[in-house]
Amino acid sequence: MPTVKVSSDSNLAPAECFTRVTQLLDKDSELRKLDPKYVCEFDSNGLTGTATGKQFKAKMAVKPAGSGSSVEIEVELPFHLGLVKGLVQKTLEKKLNTALS
């Protein structure tokens, strides 16, 4: 399966960073257009989460990094969506950078 990895560093505290990323993944209308029925599950204690849809599986983790935090999102796509891997990566990077700024 093709995998897309997106990561970003932030000056935000890990808890605030986690809140912003979970809101992005759970409520963003552009992401919902890609797969309207995906479901998110988040663990606020571990600062991790998953999103599962018909077309993908994704894992997210927020970790402390210096005085801020680091976010990593890994998305597994089925083989037939391998051609849109770059589009998925660019969209996630843009959304993540906007959410964390």
C-alpha atoms as a PDB file:
ATOM      1  CA  MET A   1       0.000   0.000   0.000  1.00  0.00           C
ATOM      2  CA  PRO A   2       1.309   3.495  -0.786  1.00  0.00           C
ATOM      3  CA  THR A   3       2.018   5.492   2.352  1.00  0.00           C
ATOM      4  CA  VAL A   4       2.028   9.252   2.799  1.00  0.00           C
ATOM      5  CA  LYS A   5       3.911  10.715   5.768  1.00  0.00           C
ATOM      6  CA  VAL A   6       3.431  14.318   6.780  1.00  0.00           C
ATOM      7  CA  SER A   7       5.146  15.939   9.747  1.00  0.00           C
ATOM      8  CA  SER A   8       5.301  19.426  11.167  1.00  0.00           C
ATOM      9  CA  ASP A   9       6.920  21.177  14.100  1.00  0.00           C
ATOM     10  CA  SER A  10       5.097  23.781  16.128  1.00  0.00           C
ATOM     11  CA  ASN A  11       5.818  26.257  18.909  1.00  0.00           C
ATOM     12  CA  LEU A  12       2.507  25.247  20.517  1.00  0.00           C
ATOM     13  CA  ALA A  13       2.372  23.103  23.630  1.00  0.00           C
ATOM     14  CA  PRO A  14       1.626  19.437  22.822  1.00  0.00           C
ATOM     15  CA  ALA A  15      -1.911  19.577  24.261  1.00  0.00           C
ATOM     16  CA  GLU A  16      -2.839  22.678  22.218  1.00  0.00           C
ATOM     17  CA  CYS A  17      -1.244  21.205  19.109  1.00  0.00           C
ATOM     18  CA  PHE A  18      -3.228  17.975  19.618  1.00  0.00           C
ATOM     19  CA  THR A  19      -6.476  19.937  19.973  1.00  0.00           C
ATOM     20  CA  ARG A  20      -5.879  21.849  16.748  1.00  0.00           C
ATOM     21  CA  VAL A  21      -4.951  18.736  14.767  1.00  0.00           C
ATOM     22  CA  THR A  22      -7.943  16.773  16.049  1.00  0.00           C
ATOM     23  CA  GLN A  23     -10.273  19.618  15.063  1.00  0.00           C
ATOM     24  CA  LEU A  24      -8.689  19.699  11.623  1.00  0.00           C
ATOM     25  CA  LEU A  25      -9.045  15.965  11.069  1.00  0.00           C
ATOM     26  CA  ASP A  26     -12.527  15.716  12.532  1.00  0.00           C
ATOM     27  CA  LYS A  27     -14.197  18.825  11.089  1.00  0.00           C
ATOM     28  CA  ASP A  28     -12.399  20.034   7.940  1.00  0.00           C
ATOM     29  CA  SER A  29     -14.890  20.172   5.067  1.00  0.00           C
ATOM     30  CA  GLU A  30     -12.260  19.739   2.337  1.00  0.00           C
ATOM     31  CA  LEU A  31     -10.980  16.540   3.942  1.00  0.00           C
ATOM     32  CA  ARG A  32     -14.560  15.335   4.370  1.00  0.00           C
ATOM     33  CA  LYS A  33     -15.130  15.765   0.620  1.00  0.00           C
ATOM     34  CA  LEU A  34     -12.430  13.163  -0.017  1.00  0.00           C
ATOM     35  CA  ASP A  35     -14.256  10.565   2.093  1.00  0.00           C
ATOM     36  CA  PRO A  36     -17.416  11.872   3.818  1.00  0.00           C
ATOM     37  CA  LYS A  37     -17.833   8.821   6.029  1.00  0.00           C
ATOM     38  CA  TYR A  38     -14.428   8.570   7.619  1.00  0.00           C
ATOM     39  CA  VAL A  39     -14.372   8.155  11.383  1.00  0.00           C
ATOM     40  CA  CYS A  40     -11.825   9.604  13.793  1.00  0.00           C
ATOM     41  CA  GLU A  41     -10.841   8.236  17.187  1.00  0.00           C
ATOM     42  CA  PHE A  42      -8.552  10.229  19.454  1.00  0.00           C
ATOM     43  CA  ASP A  43      -6.659   9.448  22.666  1.00  0.00           C
ATOM     44  CA  SER A  44      -6.044  12.733  24.475  1.00  0.00           C
ATOM     45  CA  ASN A  45      -3.905  11.017  27.126  1.00  0.00           C
ATOM     46  CA  GLY A  46      -1.501   9.553  24.564  1.00  0.00           C
ATOM     47  CA  LEU A  47      -1.861  12.488  22.126  1.00  0.00           C
ATOM     48  CA  THR A  48      -2.592  10.034  19.316  1.00  0.00           C
ATOM     49  CA  GLY A  49      -5.436   9.311  16.964  1.00  0.00           C
ATOM     50  CA  THR A  50      -6.675   7.357  13.971  1.00  0.00           C
ATOM     51  CA  ALA A  51      -8.918   8.124  11.043  1.00  0.00           C
ATOM     52  CA  THR A  52     -10.462   5.316   9.041  1.00  0.00           C
ATOM     53  CA  GLY A  53     -12.476   5.579   5.860  1.00  0.00           C
ATOM     54  CA  LYS A  54     -13.388   3.531   2.825  1.00  0.00           C
ATOM     55  CA  GLN A  55     -10.296   4.674   0.939  1.00  0.00           C
ATOM     56  CA  PHE A  56      -7.637   5.091   3.619  1.00  0.00           C
ATOM     57  CA  LYS A  57      -6.329   4.491   7.139  1.00  0.00           C
ATOM     58  CA  ALA A  58      -4.393   7.179   8.989  1.00  0.00           C
ATOM     59  CA  LYS A  59      -2.469   7.455  12.245  1.00  0.00           C
ATOM     60  CA  MET A  60      -1.569  10.686  13.998  1.00  0.00           C
ATOM     61  CA  ALA A  61       0.761  11.387  16.916  1.00  0.00           C
ATOM     62  CA  VAL A  62       1.801  14.571  18.700  1.00  0.00           C
ATOM     63  CA  LYS A  63       5.046  14.525  20.677  1.00  0.00           C
ATOM     64  CA  PRO A  64       6.839  17.127  22.776  1.00  0.00           C
ATOM     65  CA  ALA A  65       9.786  18.673  20.912  1.00  0.00           C
ATOM     66  CA  GLY A  66      11.911  21.216  22.721  1.00  0.00           C
ATOM     67  CA  SER A  67       9.640  24.038  23.890  1.00  0.00           C
ATOM     68  CA  GLY A  68       6.923  23.069  21.379  1.00  0.00           C
ATOM     69  CA  SER A  69       5.670  19.937  19.730  1.00  0.00           C
ATOM     70  CA  SER A  70       5.961  17.739  16.672  1.00  0.00           C
ATOM     71  CA  VAL A  71       3.074  16.194  14.708  1.00  0.00           C
ATOM     72  CA  GLU A  72       3.280  13.171  12.446  1.00  0.00           C
ATOM     73  CA  ILE A  73       0.457  11.875  10.273  1.00  0.00           C
ATOM     74  CA  GLU A  74       0.822   8.654   8.296  1.00  0.00           C
ATOM     75  CA  VAL A  75      -1.816   7.746   5.717  1.00  0.00           C
ATOM     76  CA  GLU A  76      -2.119   4.350   4.023  1.00  0.00           C
ATOM     77  CA  LEU A  77      -3.789   4.489   0.613  1.00  0.00           C
ATOM     78  CA  PRO A  78      -5.007   1.555  -1.476  1.00  0.00           C
ATOM     79  CA  PHE A  79      -2.941   0.775  -4.591  1.00  0.00           C
ATOM     80  CA  HIS A  80      -5.472   2.324  -6.984  1.00  0.00           C
ATOM     81  CA  LEU A  81      -5.055   5.701  -5.247  1.00  0.00           C
ATOM     82  CA  GLY A  82      -1.261   5.638  -5.459  1.00  0.00           C
ATOM     83  CA  LEU A  83      -1.388   8.174  -8.287  1.00  0.00           C
ATOM     84  CA  VAL A  84      -2.928  10.829  -6.013  1.00  0.00           C
ATOM     85  CA  LYS A  85      -0.361  10.303  -3.252  1.00  0.00           C
ATOM     86  CA  GLY A  86       1.310  13.669  -3.992  1.00  0.00           C
ATOM     87  CA  LEU A  87      -2.005  15.516  -3.917  1.00  0.00           C
ATOM     88  CA  VAL A  88      -2.908  13.937  -0.568  1.00  0.00           C
ATOM     89  CA  GLN A  89       0.497  14.876   0.863  1.00  0.00           C
ATOM     90  CA  LYS A  90       0.356  18.496  -0.331  1.00  0.00           C
ATOM     91  CA  THR A  91      -3.206  18.939   0.942  1.00  0.00           C
ATOM     92  CA  LEU A  92      -2.344  17.554   4.386  1.00  0.00           C
ATOM     93  CA  GLU A  93       0.837  19.639   4.647  1.00  0.00           C
ATOM     94  CA  LYS A  94      -1.052  22.819   3.777  1.00  0.00           C
ATOM     95  CA  LYS A  95      -3.900  22.080   6.207  1.00  0.00           C
ATOM     96  CA  LEU A  96      -1.521  21.093   8.999  1.00  0.00           C
ATOM     97  CA  ASN A  97       0.633  24.211   8.613  1.00  0.00           C
ATOM     98  CA  THR A  98      -2.491  26.419   8.648  1.00  0.00           C
ATOM     99  CA  ALA A  99      -3.888  24.694  11.753  1.00  0.00           C
ATOM    100  CA  LEU A 100      -0.628  25.040  13.659  1.00  0.00           C
ATOM    101  CA  SER A 101       0.157  28.650  12.803  1.00  0.00           C
END
